[in-house]
Amino acid sequence: MLVKEKIVIGISGVTNAGKTSLSLRLQKALPNCKVIHQDDFFKPPEEVVVDSNGFYQYDVITALNMDAMMNVVNAWIKDPSGFKELPSESHITSQPLQYDPDAPHILLIEGFLMYTYRPLLNVFDLRYLLTVPFDEAKRRRSTRVYCPEDPPGYFEGHVWPMYLEHKEEIRSLGVDIEPYLDGTNPPDELFRLAYDDISAKVRRLSSGV
C-alpha cells in the first residue's frame, strides 16, 4: 500500500512563463496525472474591477472564482480515479494519458495566483514557480491575443506590478517553493528539469521517506 496515494503539485509563475505548456507535457509523462488550469476560473469581464486607468484588474485573486476552483480541486481529492477534467479547447491534449495501478494519482494545478490563497495553498505537496525577466515576459505577452485585449501600458501598469507583489507576498509568508524554474530555458531542458525533480520527490512521498 502506498503511503502517499494522492499527490498535488502546483506550477505557478509570471504570465507567459510556460506554465500551461509545461503542465500539459508533464501530464503526458507522469502516470495517473490530471491538470486543473486556474485560467478556467476567471470571472466574466463585467465582474472584474476596472481601475482609474481603465485597466481590468485581472491579475488579482478577486478576478477569479476561487470557490469554484476549490470545488473542482476537492472533487479530485475525493475521487481522483473518477475525476473528469474541465473541457477547455486551449488545453486539449493530443496523446493518451498514462495509467499505472501501482502509482499514486497526481494532480497538477497551474496558474499565476496560487501560493497566497490559503485554502489552495494547504493542499499542495510540491510547489514550483516559473520565472522570466520583465523584457521576456513582455515580449511573450505581446504575441498573445486576450479578450479583452491589453490596452497600451497594461503590462507595465498592472500585470508586472501585480506579479512582483504576489511574489513578495509568497516570500513574506514563508511559502515553501521547490527550486525556481527558469522559464527562459529551452522547453526540452525545462521539462527534463521539472520531470526529474518531480519524479524523485513523488517516489519519496510515496515511500514515506
N, C-alpha and C. Protein backbone atom coordinates (compact mmCIF):
# COMPACT_ATOMS: atom_id res chain seq x y z
N MET A 1 0.85 -1.20 0.00
CA MET A 1 0.00 0.00 0.00
C MET A 1 0.88 1.25 0.00
N LEU A 2 0.59 2.16 -0.90
CA LEU A 2 1.36 3.39 -0.96
C LEU A 2 1.09 4.26 0.26
N VAL A 3 2.16 4.85 0.79
CA VAL A 3 1.99 5.79 1.90
C VAL A 3 1.29 7.04 1.41
N LYS A 4 1.64 7.50 0.22
CA LYS A 4 1.04 8.71 -0.35
C LYS A 4 0.39 8.33 -1.66
N GLU A 5 -0.94 8.18 -1.68
CA GLU A 5 -1.65 7.73 -2.87
C GLU A 5 -2.14 8.88 -3.73
N LYS A 6 -2.17 10.09 -3.17
CA LYS A 6 -2.60 11.27 -3.92
C LYS A 6 -1.57 12.37 -3.69
N ILE A 7 -1.07 12.94 -4.77
CA ILE A 7 -0.05 13.98 -4.68
C ILE A 7 -0.49 15.18 -5.51
N VAL A 8 -0.47 16.36 -4.90
CA VAL A 8 -0.90 17.59 -5.57
C VAL A 8 0.32 18.49 -5.78
N ILE A 9 0.51 18.91 -7.02
CA ILE A 9 1.68 19.71 -7.40
C ILE A 9 1.21 21.03 -8.00
N GLY A 10 1.77 22.12 -7.52
CA GLY A 10 1.46 23.44 -8.06
C GLY A 10 2.54 23.91 -9.01
N ILE A 11 2.12 24.48 -10.14
CA ILE A 11 3.06 25.12 -11.07
C ILE A 11 2.55 26.53 -11.32
N SER A 12 3.23 27.49 -10.72
CA SER A 12 2.78 28.88 -10.78
C SER A 12 3.88 29.73 -11.41
N GLY A 13 3.62 31.03 -11.52
CA GLY A 13 4.62 31.93 -12.06
C GLY A 13 4.02 33.05 -12.86
N VAL A 14 4.89 33.86 -13.42
CA VAL A 14 4.50 35.06 -14.14
C VAL A 14 3.78 34.70 -15.44
N THR A 15 3.03 35.66 -15.96
CA THR A 15 2.34 35.48 -17.23
C THR A 15 3.29 35.04 -18.34
N ASN A 16 2.84 34.07 -19.14
CA ASN A 16 3.59 33.61 -20.31
C ASN A 16 4.96 33.03 -19.98
N ALA A 17 5.09 32.48 -18.79
CA ALA A 17 6.35 31.84 -18.42
C ALA A 17 6.42 30.40 -18.92
N GLY A 18 5.29 29.85 -19.39
CA GLY A 18 5.27 28.48 -19.89
C GLY A 18 4.59 27.50 -18.97
N LYS A 19 3.74 27.99 -18.07
CA LYS A 19 3.09 27.13 -17.08
C LYS A 19 2.20 26.07 -17.73
N THR A 20 1.34 26.51 -18.64
CA THR A 20 0.40 25.58 -19.26
C THR A 20 1.12 24.56 -20.12
N SER A 21 2.06 25.01 -20.94
CA SER A 21 2.80 24.09 -21.82
C SER A 21 3.55 23.05 -20.99
N LEU A 22 4.21 23.49 -19.92
CA LEU A 22 4.95 22.56 -19.08
C LEU A 22 4.00 21.59 -18.39
N SER A 23 2.89 22.07 -17.88
CA SER A 23 1.94 21.21 -17.17
C SER A 23 1.39 20.12 -18.09
N LEU A 24 1.03 20.49 -19.31
CA LEU A 24 0.46 19.50 -20.23
C LEU A 24 1.52 18.48 -20.66
N ARG A 25 2.75 18.93 -20.80
CA ARG A 25 3.81 17.99 -21.15
C ARG A 25 4.10 17.03 -19.99
N LEU A 26 4.09 17.56 -18.78
CA LEU A 26 4.28 16.69 -17.62
C LEU A 26 3.13 15.71 -17.48
N GLN A 27 1.93 16.16 -17.79
CA GLN A 27 0.77 15.27 -17.69
C GLN A 27 0.93 14.04 -18.58
N LYS A 28 1.48 14.25 -19.77
CA LYS A 28 1.67 13.13 -20.69
C LYS A 28 2.75 12.17 -20.21
N ALA A 29 3.67 12.67 -19.39
CA ALA A 29 4.81 11.86 -18.96
C ALA A 29 4.60 11.20 -17.60
N LEU A 30 3.74 11.78 -16.76
CA LEU A 30 3.52 11.25 -15.41
C LEU A 30 2.29 10.36 -15.39
N PRO A 31 2.37 9.19 -14.79
CA PRO A 31 1.19 8.31 -14.75
C PRO A 31 0.10 8.87 -13.84
N ASN A 32 -1.15 8.55 -14.20
CA ASN A 32 -2.32 8.88 -13.36
C ASN A 32 -2.38 10.39 -13.06
N CYS A 33 -2.09 11.21 -14.05
CA CYS A 33 -1.96 12.64 -13.82
C CYS A 33 -3.08 13.43 -14.50
N LYS A 34 -3.70 14.32 -13.76
CA LYS A 34 -4.72 15.23 -14.27
C LYS A 34 -4.25 16.66 -14.03
N VAL A 35 -4.82 17.61 -14.79
CA VAL A 35 -4.43 19.01 -14.70
C VAL A 35 -5.65 19.89 -14.48
N ILE A 36 -5.52 20.86 -13.59
CA ILE A 36 -6.52 21.91 -13.42
C ILE A 36 -5.84 23.24 -13.76
N HIS A 37 -6.51 24.04 -14.61
CA HIS A 37 -5.98 25.32 -15.06
C HIS A 37 -6.72 26.46 -14.37
N GLN A 38 -5.99 27.28 -13.63
CA GLN A 38 -6.62 28.39 -12.92
C GLN A 38 -7.31 29.36 -13.88
N ASP A 39 -6.78 29.51 -15.09
CA ASP A 39 -7.38 30.43 -16.05
C ASP A 39 -8.83 30.08 -16.38
N ASP A 40 -9.21 28.83 -16.16
CA ASP A 40 -10.59 28.43 -16.45
C ASP A 40 -11.59 29.02 -15.45
N PHE A 41 -11.09 29.71 -14.43
CA PHE A 41 -11.97 30.20 -13.36
C PHE A 41 -12.03 31.72 -13.28
N PHE A 42 -11.63 32.40 -14.35
CA PHE A 42 -11.80 33.85 -14.39
C PHE A 42 -13.28 34.21 -14.36
N LYS A 43 -13.60 35.26 -13.63
CA LYS A 43 -14.96 35.77 -13.64
C LYS A 43 -15.21 36.48 -14.98
N PRO A 44 -16.49 36.65 -15.37
CA PRO A 44 -16.76 37.39 -16.61
C PRO A 44 -16.32 38.84 -16.48
N PRO A 45 -16.01 39.51 -17.60
CA PRO A 45 -15.47 40.87 -17.56
C PRO A 45 -16.31 41.84 -16.74
N GLU A 46 -17.62 41.68 -16.77
CA GLU A 46 -18.48 42.63 -16.03
C GLU A 46 -18.34 42.50 -14.53
N GLU A 47 -17.69 41.43 -14.05
CA GLU A 47 -17.49 41.25 -12.62
C GLU A 47 -16.06 41.57 -12.18
N VAL A 48 -15.23 42.00 -13.13
CA VAL A 48 -13.84 42.32 -12.83
C VAL A 48 -13.70 43.83 -12.64
N VAL A 49 -13.01 44.23 -11.58
CA VAL A 49 -12.82 45.65 -11.27
C VAL A 49 -11.97 46.32 -12.36
N VAL A 50 -12.34 47.56 -12.70
CA VAL A 50 -11.58 48.39 -13.63
C VAL A 50 -11.04 49.58 -12.85
N ASP A 51 -9.71 49.83 -12.93
CA ASP A 51 -9.14 50.93 -12.16
C ASP A 51 -9.26 52.26 -12.88
N SER A 52 -8.69 53.31 -12.30
CA SER A 52 -8.83 54.66 -12.85
C SER A 52 -8.15 54.83 -14.21
N ASN A 53 -7.23 53.91 -14.54
CA ASN A 53 -6.57 53.96 -15.84
C ASN A 53 -7.32 53.18 -16.90
N GLY A 54 -8.44 52.59 -16.50
CA GLY A 54 -9.20 51.76 -17.43
C GLY A 54 -8.66 50.35 -17.56
N PHE A 55 -7.77 49.95 -16.62
CA PHE A 55 -7.18 48.62 -16.66
C PHE A 55 -8.06 47.62 -15.90
N TYR A 56 -8.46 46.54 -16.57
CA TYR A 56 -9.14 45.45 -15.89
C TYR A 56 -8.15 44.81 -14.91
N GLN A 57 -8.60 44.62 -13.68
CA GLN A 57 -7.73 44.07 -12.64
C GLN A 57 -7.80 42.54 -12.64
N TYR A 58 -7.26 41.96 -13.73
CA TYR A 58 -7.30 40.51 -13.87
C TYR A 58 -6.23 39.80 -13.04
N ASP A 59 -5.17 40.48 -12.68
CA ASP A 59 -4.05 39.83 -12.01
C ASP A 59 -4.14 39.94 -10.50
N VAL A 60 -5.36 39.88 -9.99
CA VAL A 60 -5.62 39.84 -8.56
C VAL A 60 -6.58 38.69 -8.28
N ILE A 61 -6.54 38.17 -7.07
CA ILE A 61 -7.29 36.97 -6.75
C ILE A 61 -8.79 37.16 -6.85
N THR A 62 -9.27 38.40 -6.67
CA THR A 62 -10.71 38.65 -6.73
C THR A 62 -11.25 38.57 -8.16
N ALA A 63 -10.37 38.50 -9.16
CA ALA A 63 -10.82 38.34 -10.54
C ALA A 63 -11.15 36.89 -10.87
N LEU A 64 -10.91 36.00 -9.90
CA LEU A 64 -11.11 34.58 -10.10
C LEU A 64 -12.18 34.04 -9.16
N ASN A 65 -12.93 33.08 -9.64
CA ASN A 65 -13.91 32.40 -8.80
C ASN A 65 -13.19 31.25 -8.10
N MET A 66 -12.53 31.58 -7.01
CA MET A 66 -11.71 30.59 -6.32
C MET A 66 -12.55 29.54 -5.59
N ASP A 67 -13.78 29.89 -5.20
CA ASP A 67 -14.65 28.89 -4.59
C ASP A 67 -14.94 27.77 -5.59
N ALA A 68 -15.22 28.17 -6.83
CA ALA A 68 -15.50 27.17 -7.87
C ALA A 68 -14.26 26.32 -8.13
N MET A 69 -13.11 26.97 -8.14
CA MET A 69 -11.87 26.23 -8.37
C MET A 69 -11.62 25.22 -7.25
N MET A 70 -11.84 25.64 -6.01
CA MET A 70 -11.63 24.73 -4.89
C MET A 70 -12.61 23.58 -4.92
N ASN A 71 -13.81 23.80 -5.42
CA ASN A 71 -14.77 22.71 -5.55
C ASN A 71 -14.24 21.64 -6.50
N VAL A 72 -13.60 22.08 -7.58
CA VAL A 72 -13.04 21.13 -8.54
C VAL A 72 -11.83 20.41 -7.93
N VAL A 73 -10.97 21.15 -7.26
CA VAL A 73 -9.81 20.53 -6.59
C VAL A 73 -10.27 19.50 -5.57
N ASN A 74 -11.27 19.85 -4.77
CA ASN A 74 -11.76 18.92 -3.75
C ASN A 74 -12.44 17.70 -4.36
N ALA A 75 -13.03 17.88 -5.56
CA ALA A 75 -13.63 16.73 -6.24
C ALA A 75 -12.55 15.73 -6.64
N TRP A 76 -11.40 16.25 -7.09
CA TRP A 76 -10.29 15.34 -7.39
C TRP A 76 -9.78 14.67 -6.13
N ILE A 77 -9.61 15.43 -5.06
CA ILE A 77 -9.11 14.86 -3.80
C ILE A 77 -10.04 13.75 -3.31
N LYS A 78 -11.34 13.95 -3.47
CA LYS A 78 -12.31 12.95 -3.02
C LYS A 78 -12.27 11.69 -3.86
N ASP A 79 -12.11 11.85 -5.18
CA ASP A 79 -12.15 10.68 -6.07
C ASP A 79 -11.27 10.93 -7.29
N PRO A 80 -9.94 10.79 -7.15
CA PRO A 80 -9.05 11.08 -8.28
C PRO A 80 -9.25 10.16 -9.47
N SER A 81 -9.61 8.91 -9.22
CA SER A 81 -9.77 7.96 -10.33
C SER A 81 -10.99 8.29 -11.17
N GLY A 82 -12.00 8.91 -10.58
CA GLY A 82 -13.22 9.23 -11.32
C GLY A 82 -13.30 10.68 -11.76
N PHE A 83 -12.25 11.45 -11.51
CA PHE A 83 -12.27 12.88 -11.79
C PHE A 83 -12.24 13.14 -13.30
N LYS A 84 -13.09 14.04 -13.75
CA LYS A 84 -13.14 14.45 -15.15
C LYS A 84 -12.65 15.89 -15.25
N GLU A 85 -11.65 16.09 -16.10
CA GLU A 85 -11.11 17.44 -16.27
C GLU A 85 -12.12 18.34 -16.96
N LEU A 86 -12.03 19.64 -16.67
CA LEU A 86 -12.91 20.60 -17.31
C LEU A 86 -12.62 20.68 -18.79
N PRO A 87 -13.66 20.74 -19.63
CA PRO A 87 -13.41 20.93 -21.06
C PRO A 87 -12.84 22.32 -21.32
N SER A 88 -11.75 22.38 -22.05
CA SER A 88 -11.11 23.66 -22.33
C SER A 88 -10.32 23.50 -23.61
N GLU A 89 -10.84 24.06 -24.71
CA GLU A 89 -10.26 23.82 -26.03
C GLU A 89 -8.78 24.19 -26.09
N SER A 90 -8.39 25.23 -25.36
CA SER A 90 -6.99 25.67 -25.43
C SER A 90 -6.06 24.72 -24.68
N HIS A 91 -6.61 23.77 -23.92
CA HIS A 91 -5.79 22.88 -23.12
C HIS A 91 -5.92 21.41 -23.52
N ILE A 92 -6.54 21.15 -24.67
CA ILE A 92 -6.76 19.77 -25.08
C ILE A 92 -5.43 19.08 -25.34
N THR A 93 -5.28 17.86 -24.83
CA THR A 93 -4.07 17.09 -25.08
C THR A 93 -4.28 16.20 -26.29
N SER A 94 -3.20 15.86 -26.98
CA SER A 94 -3.30 15.11 -28.23
C SER A 94 -2.86 13.66 -28.08
N GLN A 95 -2.41 13.27 -26.90
CA GLN A 95 -1.93 11.92 -26.70
C GLN A 95 -2.67 11.28 -25.51
N PRO A 96 -2.83 9.95 -25.55
CA PRO A 96 -3.47 9.29 -24.41
C PRO A 96 -2.64 9.44 -23.15
N LEU A 97 -3.31 9.52 -22.00
CA LEU A 97 -2.62 9.68 -20.73
C LEU A 97 -2.23 8.32 -20.18
N GLN A 98 -1.17 8.32 -19.39
CA GLN A 98 -0.68 7.08 -18.82
C GLN A 98 -1.49 6.67 -17.60
N TYR A 99 -1.68 5.35 -17.44
CA TYR A 99 -2.32 4.84 -16.23
C TYR A 99 -1.45 3.72 -15.67
N ASP A 100 -1.19 3.79 -14.38
CA ASP A 100 -0.40 2.78 -13.69
C ASP A 100 -1.10 2.48 -12.37
N PRO A 101 -1.68 1.29 -12.22
CA PRO A 101 -2.43 0.97 -10.99
C PRO A 101 -1.57 0.97 -9.74
N ASP A 102 -0.26 0.88 -9.89
CA ASP A 102 0.63 0.84 -8.73
C ASP A 102 1.23 2.21 -8.40
N ALA A 103 0.92 3.22 -9.20
CA ALA A 103 1.48 4.55 -8.98
C ALA A 103 0.44 5.46 -8.31
N PRO A 104 0.89 6.49 -7.60
CA PRO A 104 -0.06 7.41 -6.97
C PRO A 104 -0.77 8.26 -8.03
N HIS A 105 -1.94 8.75 -7.68
CA HIS A 105 -2.63 9.72 -8.52
C HIS A 105 -1.97 11.09 -8.30
N ILE A 106 -1.79 11.82 -9.40
CA ILE A 106 -1.13 13.12 -9.36
C ILE A 106 -2.05 14.18 -9.93
N LEU A 107 -2.17 15.28 -9.22
CA LEU A 107 -2.90 16.44 -9.72
C LEU A 107 -1.93 17.59 -9.90
N LEU A 108 -1.86 18.11 -11.13
CA LEU A 108 -1.09 19.33 -11.41
C LEU A 108 -2.07 20.50 -11.46
N ILE A 109 -1.82 21.51 -10.66
CA ILE A 109 -2.63 22.73 -10.69
C ILE A 109 -1.72 23.84 -11.18
N GLU A 110 -2.09 24.46 -12.30
CA GLU A 110 -1.24 25.51 -12.84
C GLU A 110 -2.01 26.83 -12.89
N GLY A 111 -1.30 27.89 -12.51
CA GLY A 111 -1.93 29.20 -12.50
C GLY A 111 -0.97 30.25 -11.95
N PHE A 112 -1.39 31.48 -12.00
CA PHE A 112 -0.48 32.58 -11.65
C PHE A 112 -0.70 33.13 -10.25
N LEU A 113 -1.81 32.76 -9.59
CA LEU A 113 -2.12 33.30 -8.26
C LEU A 113 -2.55 32.15 -7.35
N MET A 114 -1.59 31.38 -6.86
CA MET A 114 -1.98 30.18 -6.12
C MET A 114 -1.36 30.07 -4.74
N TYR A 115 -0.23 30.68 -4.50
CA TYR A 115 0.52 30.40 -3.29
C TYR A 115 0.27 31.38 -2.15
N THR A 116 -0.71 32.25 -2.31
CA THR A 116 -1.13 33.11 -1.21
C THR A 116 -2.59 32.90 -0.85
N TYR A 117 -3.25 32.00 -1.54
CA TYR A 117 -4.65 31.68 -1.28
C TYR A 117 -4.69 30.46 -0.37
N ARG A 118 -4.97 30.69 0.90
CA ARG A 118 -4.78 29.66 1.92
C ARG A 118 -5.47 28.33 1.63
N PRO A 119 -6.77 28.32 1.26
CA PRO A 119 -7.41 27.01 1.03
C PRO A 119 -6.71 26.18 -0.04
N LEU A 120 -6.17 26.86 -1.06
CA LEU A 120 -5.46 26.14 -2.12
C LEU A 120 -4.03 25.83 -1.70
N LEU A 121 -3.39 26.78 -1.06
CA LEU A 121 -2.01 26.59 -0.62
C LEU A 121 -1.86 25.34 0.23
N ASN A 122 -2.84 25.08 1.05
CA ASN A 122 -2.74 23.98 2.01
C ASN A 122 -2.86 22.60 1.38
N VAL A 123 -3.28 22.50 0.12
CA VAL A 123 -3.43 21.16 -0.49
C VAL A 123 -2.18 20.70 -1.21
N PHE A 124 -1.22 21.61 -1.45
CA PHE A 124 -0.05 21.25 -2.25
C PHE A 124 0.95 20.40 -1.46
N ASP A 125 1.45 19.37 -2.14
CA ASP A 125 2.59 18.62 -1.62
C ASP A 125 3.91 19.18 -2.16
N LEU A 126 3.86 19.70 -3.39
CA LEU A 126 5.03 20.30 -4.03
C LEU A 126 4.59 21.59 -4.71
N ARG A 127 5.48 22.59 -4.71
CA ARG A 127 5.16 23.88 -5.32
C ARG A 127 6.35 24.34 -6.17
N TYR A 128 6.03 24.72 -7.40
CA TYR A 128 7.05 25.24 -8.31
C TYR A 128 6.65 26.64 -8.77
N LEU A 129 7.65 27.46 -9.10
CA LEU A 129 7.39 28.81 -9.57
C LEU A 129 8.28 29.06 -10.79
N LEU A 130 7.62 29.34 -11.92
CA LEU A 130 8.33 29.66 -13.16
C LEU A 130 8.60 31.16 -13.22
N THR A 131 9.82 31.52 -13.55
CA THR A 131 10.20 32.93 -13.63
C THR A 131 10.77 33.26 -15.00
N VAL A 132 10.47 34.46 -15.48
CA VAL A 132 11.15 35.03 -16.65
C VAL A 132 11.33 36.52 -16.36
N PRO A 133 12.36 37.15 -16.91
CA PRO A 133 12.58 38.58 -16.66
C PRO A 133 11.53 39.44 -17.35
N PHE A 134 11.48 40.68 -16.92
CA PHE A 134 10.48 41.65 -17.41
C PHE A 134 10.41 41.70 -18.93
N ASP A 135 11.54 41.94 -19.59
CA ASP A 135 11.54 42.12 -21.04
C ASP A 135 11.02 40.89 -21.78
N GLU A 136 11.40 39.71 -21.30
CA GLU A 136 10.96 38.48 -21.96
C GLU A 136 9.48 38.23 -21.72
N ALA A 137 9.02 38.48 -20.50
CA ALA A 137 7.58 38.31 -20.22
C ALA A 137 6.75 39.27 -21.07
N LYS A 138 7.23 40.50 -21.20
CA LYS A 138 6.50 41.48 -22.02
C LYS A 138 6.49 41.06 -23.49
N ARG A 139 7.64 40.60 -23.99
CA ARG A 139 7.71 40.18 -25.39
C ARG A 139 6.75 39.02 -25.65
N ARG A 140 6.76 38.03 -24.77
CA ARG A 140 5.89 36.87 -24.97
C ARG A 140 4.41 37.27 -24.91
N ARG A 141 4.08 38.14 -23.97
CA ARG A 141 2.68 38.55 -23.83
C ARG A 141 2.22 39.31 -25.07
N SER A 142 3.12 40.04 -25.70
CA SER A 142 2.75 40.83 -26.88
C SER A 142 2.36 39.94 -28.06
N THR A 143 2.74 38.66 -28.01
CA THR A 143 2.40 37.74 -29.10
C THR A 143 1.07 37.04 -28.87
N ARG A 144 0.46 37.25 -27.70
CA ARG A 144 -0.80 36.61 -27.36
C ARG A 144 -1.98 37.55 -27.59
N VAL A 145 -3.14 36.96 -27.85
CA VAL A 145 -4.36 37.74 -28.03
C VAL A 145 -5.27 37.47 -26.84
N TYR A 146 -5.65 38.53 -26.14
CA TYR A 146 -6.51 38.41 -24.97
C TYR A 146 -7.86 39.07 -25.24
N CYS A 147 -8.85 38.62 -24.52
CA CYS A 147 -10.18 39.22 -24.61
C CYS A 147 -10.68 39.54 -23.20
N PRO A 148 -10.76 40.84 -22.84
CA PRO A 148 -10.44 41.99 -23.68
C PRO A 148 -8.94 42.10 -23.91
N GLU A 149 -8.58 42.74 -25.04
CA GLU A 149 -7.16 42.87 -25.38
C GLU A 149 -6.47 43.83 -24.43
N ASP A 150 -5.15 43.63 -24.31
CA ASP A 150 -4.36 44.50 -23.43
C ASP A 150 -4.32 45.93 -24.00
N PRO A 151 -4.74 46.93 -23.23
CA PRO A 151 -4.58 48.32 -23.69
C PRO A 151 -3.13 48.75 -23.54
N PRO A 152 -2.73 49.83 -24.18
CA PRO A 152 -1.35 50.32 -24.05
C PRO A 152 -0.98 50.55 -22.58
N GLY A 153 0.19 50.08 -22.19
CA GLY A 153 0.67 50.27 -20.83
C GLY A 153 0.15 49.26 -19.82
N TYR A 154 -0.66 48.30 -20.27
CA TYR A 154 -1.29 47.37 -19.33
C TYR A 154 -0.26 46.46 -18.65
N PHE A 155 0.70 45.97 -19.42
CA PHE A 155 1.70 45.08 -18.84
C PHE A 155 2.51 45.80 -17.76
N GLU A 156 3.01 47.00 -18.10
CA GLU A 156 3.81 47.75 -17.14
C GLU A 156 2.99 48.30 -15.99
N GLY A 157 1.73 48.68 -16.27
CA GLY A 157 0.91 49.34 -15.25
C GLY A 157 0.12 48.41 -14.37
N HIS A 158 -0.05 47.15 -14.78
CA HIS A 158 -0.85 46.23 -13.96
C HIS A 158 -0.23 44.84 -13.85
N VAL A 159 0.03 44.20 -14.99
CA VAL A 159 0.42 42.79 -14.97
C VAL A 159 1.72 42.57 -14.20
N TRP A 160 2.79 43.28 -14.58
CA TRP A 160 4.08 43.06 -13.93
C TRP A 160 4.08 43.51 -12.46
N PRO A 161 3.51 44.69 -12.12
CA PRO A 161 3.49 45.07 -10.70
C PRO A 161 2.73 44.06 -9.84
N MET A 162 1.65 43.50 -10.35
CA MET A 162 0.90 42.52 -9.56
C MET A 162 1.68 41.22 -9.40
N TYR A 163 2.45 40.85 -10.42
CA TYR A 163 3.31 39.67 -10.29
C TYR A 163 4.36 39.89 -9.20
N LEU A 164 5.00 41.05 -9.21
CA LEU A 164 6.01 41.34 -8.18
C LEU A 164 5.39 41.37 -6.79
N GLU A 165 4.19 41.94 -6.69
CA GLU A 165 3.51 42.00 -5.40
C GLU A 165 3.18 40.60 -4.90
N HIS A 166 2.70 39.76 -5.80
CA HIS A 166 2.36 38.39 -5.43
C HIS A 166 3.61 37.61 -5.03
N LYS A 167 4.69 37.79 -5.77
CA LYS A 167 5.94 37.09 -5.45
C LYS A 167 6.47 37.52 -4.08
N GLU A 168 6.36 38.81 -3.77
CA GLU A 168 6.81 39.30 -2.47
C GLU A 168 5.93 38.75 -1.36
N GLU A 169 4.64 38.63 -1.62
CA GLU A 169 3.74 38.07 -0.60
C GLU A 169 4.08 36.61 -0.34
N ILE A 170 4.41 35.88 -1.39
CA ILE A 170 4.84 34.48 -1.22
C ILE A 170 6.06 34.42 -0.30
N ARG A 171 7.03 35.32 -0.57
CA ARG A 171 8.25 35.34 0.24
C ARG A 171 7.94 35.69 1.68
N SER A 172 7.10 36.70 1.90
CA SER A 172 6.81 37.15 3.25
C SER A 172 6.03 36.10 4.05
N LEU A 173 5.26 35.28 3.37
CA LEU A 173 4.51 34.22 4.05
C LEU A 173 5.39 33.01 4.35
N GLY A 174 6.58 32.98 3.79
CA GLY A 174 7.47 31.84 4.01
C GLY A 174 7.01 30.58 3.32
N VAL A 175 6.34 30.74 2.17
CA VAL A 175 5.83 29.57 1.45
C VAL A 175 7.00 28.75 0.92
N ASP A 176 6.92 27.45 1.13
CA ASP A 176 7.97 26.54 0.71
C ASP A 176 7.84 26.28 -0.79
N ILE A 177 8.80 26.80 -1.56
CA ILE A 177 8.82 26.63 -3.01
C ILE A 177 9.98 25.71 -3.37
N GLU A 178 9.72 24.78 -4.31
CA GLU A 178 10.81 23.98 -4.84
C GLU A 178 11.75 24.93 -5.60
N PRO A 179 12.94 24.48 -5.98
CA PRO A 179 13.83 25.39 -6.72
C PRO A 179 13.09 26.06 -7.88
N TYR A 180 13.21 27.38 -7.95
CA TYR A 180 12.54 28.13 -9.01
C TYR A 180 12.94 27.58 -10.38
N LEU A 181 11.97 27.55 -11.31
CA LEU A 181 12.23 27.08 -12.66
C LEU A 181 12.43 28.28 -13.57
N ASP A 182 13.52 28.31 -14.30
CA ASP A 182 13.85 29.41 -15.19
C ASP A 182 13.11 29.23 -16.51
N GLY A 183 12.08 30.04 -16.73
CA GLY A 183 11.26 29.90 -17.91
C GLY A 183 11.94 30.29 -19.20
N THR A 184 13.17 30.84 -19.14
CA THR A 184 13.91 31.15 -20.36
C THR A 184 14.71 29.95 -20.86
N ASN A 185 14.75 28.86 -20.07
CA ASN A 185 15.42 27.65 -20.55
C ASN A 185 14.66 27.09 -21.75
N PRO A 186 15.34 26.37 -22.65
CA PRO A 186 14.65 25.71 -23.76
C PRO A 186 13.57 24.77 -23.21
N PRO A 187 12.43 24.66 -23.89
CA PRO A 187 11.33 23.83 -23.38
C PRO A 187 11.75 22.41 -23.01
N ASP A 188 12.60 21.77 -23.83
CA ASP A 188 13.02 20.40 -23.53
C ASP A 188 13.82 20.35 -22.23
N GLU A 189 14.70 21.32 -22.04
CA GLU A 189 15.51 21.36 -20.82
C GLU A 189 14.64 21.64 -19.60
N LEU A 190 13.70 22.57 -19.74
CA LEU A 190 12.80 22.90 -18.65
C LEU A 190 11.96 21.69 -18.26
N PHE A 191 11.44 20.99 -19.25
CA PHE A 191 10.66 19.78 -18.97
C PHE A 191 11.49 18.74 -18.24
N ARG A 192 12.70 18.50 -18.71
CA ARG A 192 13.53 17.46 -18.10
C ARG A 192 13.87 17.81 -16.66
N LEU A 193 14.20 19.08 -16.41
CA LEU A 193 14.49 19.51 -15.04
C LEU A 193 13.28 19.27 -14.13
N ALA A 194 12.11 19.70 -14.60
CA ALA A 194 10.90 19.57 -13.79
C ALA A 194 10.52 18.10 -13.62
N TYR A 195 10.56 17.35 -14.70
CA TYR A 195 10.16 15.95 -14.65
C TYR A 195 11.05 15.14 -13.71
N ASP A 196 12.36 15.32 -13.84
CA ASP A 196 13.28 14.56 -12.98
C ASP A 196 13.07 14.92 -11.51
N ASP A 197 12.89 16.21 -11.23
CA ASP A 197 12.72 16.64 -9.84
C ASP A 197 11.40 16.13 -9.27
N ILE A 198 10.33 16.27 -10.05
CA ILE A 198 9.01 15.81 -9.58
C ILE A 198 9.02 14.30 -9.39
N SER A 199 9.58 13.57 -10.33
CA SER A 199 9.61 12.11 -10.23
C SER A 199 10.33 11.65 -8.98
N ALA A 200 11.45 12.28 -8.67
CA ALA A 200 12.21 11.90 -7.48
C ALA A 200 11.42 12.20 -6.21
N LYS A 201 10.76 13.37 -6.18
CA LYS A 201 10.00 13.74 -4.99
C LYS A 201 8.74 12.90 -4.84
N VAL A 202 8.11 12.53 -5.96
CA VAL A 202 6.94 11.66 -5.90
C VAL A 202 7.33 10.29 -5.34
N ARG A 203 8.47 9.79 -5.75
CA ARG A 203 8.92 8.49 -5.22
C ARG A 203 9.15 8.59 -3.72
N ARG A 204 9.74 9.70 -3.26
CA ARG A 204 10.00 9.83 -1.83
C ARG A 204 8.68 10.00 -1.05
N LEU A 205 7.76 10.78 -1.58
CA LEU A 205 6.48 10.95 -0.91
C LEU A 205 5.71 9.64 -0.85
N SER A 206 5.78 8.86 -1.94
CA SER A 206 5.04 7.60 -2.00
C SER A 206 5.60 6.55 -1.06
N SER A 207 6.91 6.64 -0.82
CA SER A 207 7.54 5.66 0.06
C SER A 207 7.56 6.12 1.52
N GLY A 208 7.14 7.37 1.76
CA GLY A 208 7.11 7.88 3.12
C GLY A 208 8.43 8.38 3.61
N VAL A 209 9.42 8.52 2.69
CA VAL A 209 10.76 8.99 3.09
C VAL A 209 10.74 10.50 3.28
